[in-house]
Amino acid sequence: MTRTKLHELADLGQSVWLDYIHRSFINSGGLRDYIDKGLRGVTSNPTIFADAIIKSEVYDAQIQKLALEGKSPQEIYEELAVEDSRMVADVLRPVFDETEGNDGFFSLEVNPHLAHDKIGTINEAFRLFRAVDRPNIMIKVPATAEGVLAFKELIEEGININVTLMFSLAQYDLVAEACISALEKRAANVYNVKTIASVASLFVSRVDTKVDEMLDALDAPRAKSLKGKIGIANAKMVYQRFKEFFQSERWEYLADKGARLQRVLFGSTGTKNPDYSDVMYVENLIGPETVNTAPPETLDAFLDHLDHGRVAPTLESNLDEARAQLAELAELGIDLDDVTHQLLVEGVEKFAKPYDALIKTLSEKKVHLVTT
């Protein structure tokens, strides 16, 4: 097998996952090709599923069958998503086995309208986890206040969880503490902690998009020097906090019992500003015990371009510079905590809207496919 940059990243302790799903991509062997190149997991979200189902006829036969069975649009969506999840999980299963359960996961998200509903999130996460019925599935739960509480209970119950929509250091502190506390409770009850996997997904490029707009509005020359810097600086600080949590005595006790540490996953790593390098959120966030999930175009650029796509341990480089950039941002009057809170609110909305559009499209397709 030809070694690629993804294999080199794995040598440095970082796993690369793909932020994309489409049934034709699975059936055509596209996913298998990426795995051969060193891909080690797949993530999805309501936007990705909506794009796949709305813009394709690949799902129509199953939609028609489910519609004739009297399924609601919500039930149809769930069955489509569960079927895709099983298919991806099965393709990834060799990765899961080869890495002894460290990688090879597919992440499926709960209904975004449950973002502020702890009990609803717990119930749906259980239902989806059982419906997919694969050991290499993670259920995505948002890092809202209620979502973190749901996450803690789900880990206590042994469900693999991807905590998503995380933007801030404050959110990370809550998520990491919830993870360790939940595993401590399982250990105290003499329950198995060895097979539970979790990642904490920090969104990166959206921070720069929001902060850059605010910097552009300032009449200060030094503001321009911070553009495209804060997302990475923020991610580096989260990684430093990750080390504090998972190199502590509390964690060592759990590690001795076989617990898997909760890796930081860098999400939203596609570059949104065309003035920036298309692989900046991959090149600058390489470090051990991490995951980077990237869209196909970003992954392809990193893999295929000879002039960029540098593989080097960058996540802990220039930490003083990163701290100085965050301090300067505050001096300019931009409160990163306020920014990241707004991003969380917007993030929930951005996932709810495509979900609603998908349900509307399924309602229309249900009528069309049953009557034609």
Protein backbone atom coordinates (compact mmCIF):
# COMPACT_ATOMS: atom_id res chain seq x y z
CA MET A 1 0.00 0.00 0.00
CA THR A 2 1.32 3.43 -0.97
CA ARG A 3 2.04 5.65 2.02
CA THR A 4 0.46 9.09 2.00
CA LYS A 5 0.55 12.18 4.18
CA LEU A 6 -2.34 10.71 6.17
CA HIS A 7 -0.12 7.81 7.18
CA GLU A 8 2.57 10.32 8.15
CA LEU A 9 0.04 12.17 10.32
CA ALA A 10 -0.89 8.89 11.98
CA ASP A 11 2.80 8.38 12.78
CA LEU A 12 2.65 11.71 14.64
CA GLY A 13 -0.42 10.59 16.57
CA GLN A 14 -3.13 12.39 14.61
CA SER A 15 -6.03 10.63 12.93
CA VAL A 16 -7.75 12.19 9.92
CA TRP A 17 -11.47 11.69 9.44
CA LEU A 18 -13.65 12.78 6.52
CA ASP A 19 -16.49 15.24 7.06
CA TYR A 20 -18.78 13.96 4.31
CA ILE A 21 -21.41 11.33 3.58
CA HIS A 22 -23.33 10.25 0.49
CA ARG A 23 -24.68 6.82 -0.34
CA SER A 24 -23.27 6.88 -3.88
CA PHE A 25 -19.85 7.75 -2.42
CA ILE A 26 -20.05 4.63 -0.27
CA ASN A 27 -21.35 2.35 -3.02
CA SER A 28 -18.84 3.54 -5.63
CA GLY A 29 -15.86 2.68 -3.49
CA GLY A 30 -14.92 6.30 -2.89
CA LEU A 31 -14.81 5.83 0.87
CA ARG A 32 -12.69 2.69 0.51
CA ASP A 33 -10.22 4.64 -1.65
CA TYR A 34 -9.79 7.25 1.10
CA ILE A 35 -9.28 4.53 3.69
CA ASP A 36 -6.53 3.04 1.52
CA LYS A 37 -4.91 6.49 1.61
CA GLY A 38 -4.96 6.48 5.41
CA LEU A 39 -8.38 7.87 6.36
CA ARG A 40 -9.44 6.66 9.79
CA GLY A 41 -13.02 7.84 10.33
CA VAL A 42 -16.03 9.75 9.01
CA THR A 43 -18.23 12.49 10.48
CA SER A 44 -21.58 13.86 9.39
CA ASN A 45 -24.04 16.56 10.41
CA PRO A 46 -27.58 17.57 9.40
CA THR A 47 -26.25 19.86 6.66
CA ILE A 48 -24.23 17.06 5.06
CA PHE A 49 -27.16 14.62 5.17
CA ALA A 50 -29.53 17.25 3.78
CA ASP A 51 -27.22 17.95 0.84
CA ALA A 52 -26.88 14.23 0.12
CA ILE A 53 -30.60 13.44 0.20
CA ILE A 54 -32.05 16.63 -1.29
CA LYS A 55 -29.66 16.85 -4.24
CA SER A 56 -29.75 13.20 -5.25
CA GLU A 57 -32.12 10.53 -6.51
CA VAL A 58 -30.03 7.75 -4.98
CA TYR A 59 -32.30 7.62 -1.95
CA ASP A 60 -35.61 7.79 -3.84
CA ALA A 61 -36.29 4.05 -3.97
CA GLN A 62 -35.97 3.73 -0.21
CA ILE A 63 -37.98 6.92 0.32
CA GLN A 64 -40.77 5.50 -1.84
CA LYS A 65 -40.75 2.18 0.02
CA LEU A 66 -40.89 3.89 3.42
CA ALA A 67 -43.58 6.29 2.24
CA LEU A 68 -45.75 3.39 1.10
CA GLU A 69 -45.29 1.89 4.57
CA GLY A 70 -46.81 5.06 6.01
CA LYS A 71 -43.64 6.44 7.55
CA SER A 72 -43.54 10.14 8.45
CA PRO A 73 -40.88 12.42 6.88
CA GLN A 74 -38.96 12.37 10.19
CA GLU A 75 -39.08 8.57 10.32
CA ILE A 76 -37.97 8.36 6.68
CA TYR A 77 -34.98 10.61 7.35
CA GLU A 78 -33.96 8.56 10.35
CA GLU A 79 -34.12 5.29 8.44
CA LEU A 80 -32.07 6.77 5.60
CA ALA A 81 -29.48 8.08 8.07
CA VAL A 82 -29.35 4.82 10.01
CA GLU A 83 -28.88 2.83 6.78
CA ASP A 84 -26.02 5.10 5.66
CA SER A 85 -24.50 4.91 9.13
CA ARG A 86 -24.46 1.12 9.04
CA MET A 87 -22.92 1.13 5.56
CA VAL A 88 -20.14 3.54 6.54
CA ALA A 89 -19.50 1.74 9.82
CA ASP A 90 -19.13 -1.56 7.99
CA VAL A 91 -16.63 -0.10 5.52
CA LEU A 92 -14.70 1.42 8.43
CA ARG A 93 -14.82 -1.73 10.56
CA PRO A 94 -11.34 -2.95 9.50
CA VAL A 95 -9.88 0.37 10.69
CA PHE A 96 -11.74 -0.02 13.98
CA ASP A 97 -10.35 -3.54 14.42
CA GLU A 98 -6.80 -2.68 13.35
CA THR A 99 -6.62 0.27 15.76
CA GLU A 100 -8.23 -1.77 18.56
CA GLY A 101 -11.22 0.56 18.73
CA ASN A 102 -9.33 3.84 18.68
CA ASP A 103 -10.46 4.84 15.18
CA GLY A 104 -12.80 3.63 12.45
CA PHE A 105 -15.82 5.57 13.76
CA PHE A 106 -18.76 7.15 12.01
CA SER A 107 -20.53 10.02 13.80
CA LEU A 108 -24.29 10.47 13.52
CA GLU A 109 -25.93 13.57 15.00
CA VAL A 110 -29.09 13.81 17.09
CA ASN A 111 -31.95 16.04 15.89
CA PRO A 112 -30.62 19.63 16.12
CA HIS A 113 -33.91 20.78 17.61
CA LEU A 114 -32.97 18.83 20.75
CA ALA A 115 -29.90 21.00 21.40
CA HIS A 116 -31.43 22.47 24.57
CA ASP A 117 -33.33 19.36 25.64
CA LYS A 118 -31.28 17.10 27.89
CA ILE A 119 -33.80 14.27 28.20
CA GLY A 120 -34.73 14.40 24.52
CA THR A 121 -31.06 14.23 23.57
CA ILE A 122 -30.42 11.25 25.85
CA ASN A 123 -33.43 9.36 24.53
CA GLU A 124 -32.58 10.01 20.88
CA ALA A 125 -28.91 9.15 21.36
CA PHE A 126 -29.86 5.81 22.91
CA ARG A 127 -32.35 5.12 20.12
CA LEU A 128 -29.94 5.94 17.30
CA PHE A 129 -27.06 4.03 18.88
CA ARG A 130 -29.22 0.93 19.21
CA ALA A 131 -30.78 1.35 15.75
CA VAL A 132 -27.42 1.50 13.98
CA ASP A 133 -26.18 -1.38 16.14
CA ARG A 134 -22.48 -1.11 15.32
CA PRO A 135 -19.63 -0.81 17.86
CA ASN A 136 -17.88 1.85 15.75
CA ILE A 137 -20.63 4.47 15.90
CA MET A 138 -20.46 7.75 17.79
CA ILE A 139 -23.57 9.80 18.44
CA LYS A 140 -23.02 13.54 18.09
CA VAL A 141 -24.35 15.70 20.92
CA PRO A 142 -23.98 19.51 20.94
CA ALA A 143 -21.89 21.26 23.60
CA THR A 144 -24.80 23.34 24.88
CA ALA A 145 -25.37 23.40 28.64
CA GLU A 146 -28.05 20.74 28.30
CA GLY A 147 -26.02 18.80 25.74
CA VAL A 148 -23.05 18.51 28.10
CA LEU A 149 -25.32 17.16 30.84
CA ALA A 150 -26.74 14.66 28.37
CA PHE A 151 -23.22 13.71 27.27
CA LYS A 152 -22.20 12.94 30.84
CA GLU A 153 -25.13 10.60 31.38
CA LEU A 154 -24.58 8.92 28.01
CA ILE A 155 -20.93 8.21 28.80
CA GLU A 156 -22.03 6.83 32.17
CA GLU A 157 -24.30 4.47 30.22
CA GLY A 158 -21.49 3.39 27.88
CA ILE A 159 -22.51 5.19 24.67
CA ASN A 160 -19.79 6.46 22.31
CA ILE A 161 -20.19 10.23 21.96
CA ASN A 162 -18.82 12.96 19.71
CA VAL A 163 -19.43 16.27 21.51
CA THR A 164 -19.90 18.81 18.72
CA LEU A 165 -20.35 22.57 18.26
CA MET A 166 -17.58 23.37 20.69
CA PHE A 167 -15.94 26.75 20.17
CA SER A 168 -14.43 27.89 23.46
CA LEU A 169 -12.02 26.92 26.17
CA ALA A 170 -14.86 27.27 28.69
CA GLN A 171 -16.94 24.73 26.78
CA TYR A 172 -13.98 22.39 26.62
CA ASP A 173 -13.46 22.55 30.37
CA LEU A 174 -17.07 21.48 30.93
CA VAL A 175 -16.86 18.69 28.37
CA ALA A 176 -13.56 17.25 29.63
CA GLU A 177 -14.70 17.39 33.25
CA ALA A 178 -17.97 15.69 32.33
CA CYS A 179 -16.09 12.94 30.49
CA ILE A 180 -13.72 12.18 33.35
CA SER A 181 -16.48 12.39 35.97
CA ALA A 182 -18.67 10.01 34.00
CA LEU A 183 -15.87 7.48 33.61
CA GLU A 184 -15.03 7.79 37.31
CA LYS A 185 -18.64 6.95 38.13
CA ARG A 186 -18.57 3.90 35.87
CA ALA A 187 -15.31 2.76 37.42
CA ALA A 188 -16.69 3.24 40.94
CA ASN A 189 -19.65 1.05 39.99
CA VAL A 190 -17.23 -1.55 38.60
CA TYR A 191 -18.57 -1.09 35.06
CA ASN A 192 -16.37 -1.51 31.99
CA VAL A 193 -14.57 1.69 30.91
CA LYS A 194 -12.36 0.11 28.25
CA THR A 195 -14.67 0.23 25.23
CA ILE A 196 -16.16 3.72 25.54
CA ALA A 197 -14.86 6.18 22.96
CA SER A 198 -15.40 9.93 22.83
CA VAL A 199 -14.08 13.00 21.06
CA ALA A 200 -14.51 16.70 21.84
CA SER A 201 -15.04 18.54 18.56
CA LEU A 202 -13.67 22.08 18.46
CA PHE A 203 -14.80 24.15 15.48
CA VAL A 204 -11.95 26.25 14.11
CA SER A 205 -12.58 28.17 10.89
CA ARG A 206 -15.90 29.59 12.07
CA VAL A 207 -14.02 31.42 14.82
CA ASP A 208 -11.86 33.17 12.25
CA THR A 209 -14.84 34.00 10.04
CA LYS A 210 -16.62 35.73 12.91
CA VAL A 211 -13.54 37.41 14.43
CA ASP A 212 -12.22 38.59 11.06
CA GLU A 213 -15.46 40.48 10.45
CA MET A 214 -15.06 42.23 13.79
CA LEU A 215 -11.40 43.02 13.12
CA ASP A 216 -12.26 44.53 9.75
CA ALA A 217 -14.69 46.87 11.49
CA LEU A 218 -11.95 48.28 13.72
CA ASP A 219 -9.93 51.32 12.74
CA ALA A 220 -6.70 49.91 14.10
CA PRO A 221 -3.74 48.82 11.95
CA ARG A 222 -2.74 46.05 14.35
CA ALA A 223 -6.21 44.49 14.02
CA LYS A 224 -5.40 43.33 10.50
CA SER A 225 -2.39 41.34 11.77
CA LEU A 226 -4.73 39.11 13.79
CA LYS A 227 -6.92 38.09 10.88
CA GLY A 228 -6.87 34.34 10.29
CA LYS A 229 -4.93 33.78 13.52
CA ILE A 230 -7.47 33.45 16.32
CA GLY A 231 -9.05 30.14 15.34
CA ILE A 232 -5.70 28.37 15.47
CA ALA A 233 -4.56 30.21 18.62
CA ASN A 234 -7.81 29.22 20.34
CA ALA A 235 -7.34 25.59 19.26
CA LYS A 236 -3.80 25.54 20.62
CA MET A 237 -5.01 26.73 24.01
CA VAL A 238 -7.69 24.04 24.10
CA TYR A 239 -5.05 21.42 23.36
CA GLN A 240 -2.95 22.67 26.27
CA ARG A 241 -5.97 22.29 28.53
CA PHE A 242 -6.57 18.81 27.11
CA LYS A 243 -3.07 17.85 28.30
CA GLU A 244 -3.83 19.16 31.79
CA PHE A 245 -6.98 17.05 32.05
CA PHE A 246 -5.59 13.88 30.53
CA GLN A 247 -2.17 13.89 32.17
CA SER A 248 -3.64 14.33 35.65
CA GLU A 249 -3.69 11.85 38.52
CA ARG A 250 -7.44 11.50 38.05
CA TRP A 251 -6.92 10.38 34.50
CA GLU A 252 -4.01 8.07 35.33
CA TYR A 253 -6.33 6.18 37.70
CA LEU A 254 -8.82 5.69 34.87
CA ALA A 255 -6.13 4.89 32.32
CA ASP A 256 -4.89 2.12 34.60
CA LYS A 257 -8.37 0.61 34.31
CA GLY A 258 -8.17 0.78 30.51
CA ALA A 259 -10.17 3.96 29.87
CA ARG A 260 -9.70 5.65 26.50
CA LEU A 261 -8.88 9.32 26.70
CA GLN A 262 -11.20 11.77 25.00
CA ARG A 263 -9.28 13.15 22.04
CA VAL A 264 -9.72 16.69 20.80
CA LEU A 265 -11.18 16.68 17.31
CA PHE A 266 -10.61 19.73 15.13
CA GLY A 267 -13.71 20.34 13.03
CA SER A 268 -14.70 23.08 10.61
CA THR A 269 -11.22 22.80 9.12
CA GLY A 270 -12.15 23.73 5.57
CA THR A 271 -10.78 27.21 4.82
CA LYS A 272 -13.62 29.66 4.20
CA ASN A 273 -11.54 32.71 3.26
CA PRO A 274 -10.01 32.34 -0.24
CA ASP A 275 -7.16 34.65 0.82
CA TYR A 276 -5.91 31.98 3.23
CA SER A 277 -4.18 28.69 2.50
CA ASP A 278 -6.68 25.95 1.77
CA VAL A 279 -4.88 23.63 4.20
CA MET A 280 -4.04 26.09 7.00
CA TYR A 281 -6.32 24.34 9.51
CA VAL A 282 -4.67 21.01 8.79
CA GLU A 283 -1.03 22.09 8.66
CA ASN A 284 -1.16 24.17 11.84
CA LEU A 285 -3.05 21.76 14.09
CA ILE A 286 -0.96 18.59 13.99
CA GLY A 287 -0.36 16.95 17.34
CA PRO A 288 -0.58 13.60 19.16
CA GLU A 289 -3.86 12.19 20.45
CA THR A 290 -5.95 14.42 18.16
CA VAL A 291 -8.31 14.06 15.23
CA ASN A 292 -8.83 16.41 12.29
CA THR A 293 -12.03 15.96 10.31
CA ALA A 294 -11.95 17.72 6.95
CA PRO A 295 -14.24 18.04 3.93
CA PRO A 296 -13.17 16.23 0.73
CA GLU A 297 -11.82 19.34 -1.00
CA THR A 298 -9.55 20.17 1.94
CA LEU A 299 -8.39 16.60 2.31
CA ASP A 300 -7.67 16.31 -1.41
CA ALA A 301 -5.69 19.56 -1.38
CA PHE A 302 -3.61 18.34 1.55
CA LEU A 303 -2.98 14.98 -0.06
CA ASP A 304 -2.39 15.96 -3.66
CA HIS A 305 -0.66 19.34 -3.77
CA LEU A 306 3.12 19.14 -3.81
CA ASP A 307 3.65 22.78 -2.88
CA HIS A 308 1.78 22.57 0.44
CA GLY A 309 0.32 20.07 2.84
CA ARG A 310 3.27 20.06 5.22
CA VAL A 311 3.43 17.30 7.83
CA ALA A 312 5.08 18.46 11.04
CA PRO A 313 4.16 18.61 14.76
CA THR A 314 2.78 22.16 14.76
CA LEU A 315 0.09 22.11 17.45
CA GLU A 316 2.49 23.07 20.22
CA SER A 317 4.69 25.41 18.25
CA ASN A 318 4.66 29.19 18.85
CA LEU A 319 2.45 28.91 21.94
CA ASP A 320 3.64 32.24 23.32
CA GLU A 321 2.70 33.87 20.04
CA ALA A 322 -0.76 32.31 20.23
CA ARG A 323 -1.25 33.59 23.78
CA ALA A 324 -0.10 37.06 22.69
CA GLN A 325 -2.58 37.06 19.81
CA LEU A 326 -5.46 36.20 22.13
CA ALA A 327 -4.36 38.88 24.59
CA GLU A 328 -4.14 41.46 21.82
CA LEU A 329 -7.62 40.54 20.63
CA ALA A 330 -8.93 41.31 24.11
CA GLU A 331 -7.01 44.60 24.17
CA LEU A 332 -8.79 45.56 20.97
CA GLY A 333 -12.10 45.14 22.77
CA ILE A 334 -13.16 41.82 21.24
CA ASP A 335 -14.36 39.37 23.90
CA LEU A 336 -13.69 35.87 22.58
CA ASP A 337 -16.10 34.35 25.10
CA ASP A 338 -18.90 36.49 23.68
CA VAL A 339 -17.88 35.54 20.14
CA THR A 340 -17.83 31.82 20.84
CA HIS A 341 -21.18 31.96 22.65
CA GLN A 342 -22.69 33.63 19.60
CA LEU A 343 -21.12 30.97 17.38
CA LEU A 344 -22.74 28.24 19.47
CA VAL A 345 -26.17 29.87 19.09
CA GLU A 346 -25.63 30.28 15.37
CA GLY A 347 -24.26 26.76 15.05
CA VAL A 348 -27.43 25.22 16.45
CA GLU A 349 -29.48 27.33 14.03
CA LYS A 350 -27.26 26.41 11.08
CA PHE A 351 -27.90 22.72 11.69
CA ALA A 352 -31.62 23.16 12.37
CA LYS A 353 -32.34 24.99 9.11
CA PRO A 354 -31.03 22.30 6.73
CA TYR A 355 -32.70 19.65 8.85
CA ASP A 356 -36.03 21.46 8.44
CA ALA A 357 -35.40 21.88 4.70
CA LEU A 358 -34.71 18.16 4.46
CA ILE A 359 -37.93 17.25 6.26
CA LYS A 360 -39.85 19.58 3.90
CA THR A 361 -38.23 17.95 0.87
CA LEU A 362 -39.00 14.47 2.18
CA SER A 363 -42.63 15.51 2.66
CA GLU A 364 -42.77 16.59 -0.97
CA LYS A 365 -40.92 13.52 -2.24
CA LYS A 366 -43.19 11.26 -0.23
CA VAL A 367 -46.25 12.62 -2.03
CA HIS A 368 -44.56 12.62 -5.43
CA LEU A 369 -43.09 9.13 -5.23
CA VAL A 370 -46.30 7.56 -3.91
CA THR A 371 -48.56 9.15 -6.53
CA THR A 372 -46.35 8.53 -9.59
